[in-house]
């Protein structure tokens, strides 16, 4: 199927060529000579679902029937709820657009198992009018994106995949499967939808083919908007995978954009009153800005992981200018409530339900039966995948948080074969060390990394000698964590390692102890804080160990828990936003890829152990 009014490379065109073309066509072939009446439009949108197709859980702060505030656990999201919510929100509205702002794939076993087919089939239960290309769409190179688009287009929906600033090599398979923009018609009015992809992150933290060119986002957006304006189209939506802050920054640089539907930063927008329920929005939904000409621009985003659907109502005047925009996020919830392990009574459930309905931002949603049926074979395969062998270990990979014979001496589930192991006593856990090495490799593969850091408590089980199953990997690393990239000075790296060691003595306990890839050091627990860690060395690309330079900059990969200061890693918490990046690489999947790449694991060598020497207190 082909789509009318789609240009594959508007960024290449020059104004004289366009004027000549439009003169020859007399504009009539493009569907008319411009819009002439006002339009009320509803935009329903999601972004960054990252193969999270199953419902998860969240804890909300709600009052029970007696007025006591409780921490209440409830089901959250799931793509079958997305489908049901969009169907319900579309009902009775004549002018609806359904948009996906990118990063549909990677991040869950559904992608590992089906390479995007499960995501495509679920997206086709919605039939999106357009999807922008996200940076993670390139994680398996251009060929992986082509495969996903082919899955998406195998159904009846044929969702156009858009980016105005991605320029594949001429004649490449990707070039024929994507477009810069799409034009749709609602109530006789033409609406231009322009895709944008974050440039730097995609080039340097994903894996696009070297032949793929990335244009400056603002330049590509304005060139494409100008082309649409020349065709008489005066209602323009930017379907952006740039991030919320970048969307706010680009709006005043552009002329002619009306709405920015965003993704990439996984931002929850909504009223400040959401904080009473335990959710923290980063701004208003919608956020209002102005373009270069001072005209209103409405900016939205809809959180992440199939948790929410954005519902935006826009009123355009006859000139295509935005008169008003309004709406709310629709956070998708189940209707079963638990406090601890206990299911809520009917009276308490009714009280919780009443508060959620009154809040205006939650939507208690029964999953679409049709979407559940589409997902069922993939879910069965995902469950079976847990038993699949990803690799094997020749040794027992012992779990141990802190080296030595005083702290954490019975941590291992394998007993004294690990608890009394000489390497474990000298250096700490085998498996924690390998997790840190795995994260370093993933960081180097996606955007670059010099060292990695994993807190000991984030790794949960031993890996016995023998087969390593996918399910065992996800039991080893069970949390919903992603990998962050931080830029630190050598002095800050040392300070962060000191934070972890101090937390073992004075803070959160043994779970904070630091394991690092590409960094090694000595620890003396008898010294004062700031002097417990010494002889820090960094491993370079040739495998040579060199002294850590306090003034040099290093890229550190860690999980989002420690990046945000968890386990009292206070130094990491102070790293400014400009020097931190959520790669959105799932930390369990990162270790799974490491196991699959290596095939066979063994105890780490003494030279590569992060703790080279450990001196315990008396």
Foldseek 3Di string as FASTA:
>chain_A
DDAAPFALALLPDDPVVLVVVCVVVVLVVNPDQAFFFKDKAKEKEAEALAPLQAWDKAWWWFAFLVRDTFGKIFTFFHLLQVLQVLVVLCPPPQHYAYEYLENQHHQDVLCVPPLQLLSLLSVVSRLGQAYEYELQCCQVAPVSVLVNLCSNCVDDSSHAYAALFKAADPPDSVSVRHTQWHWDDTPSAIEIEGHHYAPPQSVFFHHYDPRIGGHDRLSSVQSVQVSCVVSRHQAYEYSYAHDDVVVQVSQQVHPRYAEYEYHNNLFFADDCVSVNTPDGGPYHQFDWDHYVVRAIYTYDHAGYNRQWMWIKIFIAGSNNTTPDMDGEIEGETEQWIDRPPHTDDPRRSVSRVVVQVVVRRYDHGDRNPVSCVSCVVSVVVSVVQQQAFQFFEQAWFFQWLDAACPARLQQAPVGCVRSVDPCCNWFNTQVQQLLQQLQQVSQCSGRHFFKEKEFSQQFHHIGHGTTDGLNNLCVRRVDQKFKKKFKAALQLVLLLQLQLLVCCVPNDHSRSHIWMFQKAWAAANPDDRPPGTDDIWGQDPVRDTDGRDRGDMGIYMYIPCVCCQHSNSVSSVPGDPVGMDGSSNGSSVSVSVVCNVVNYHYGDDQVRRRHNGYHDDD
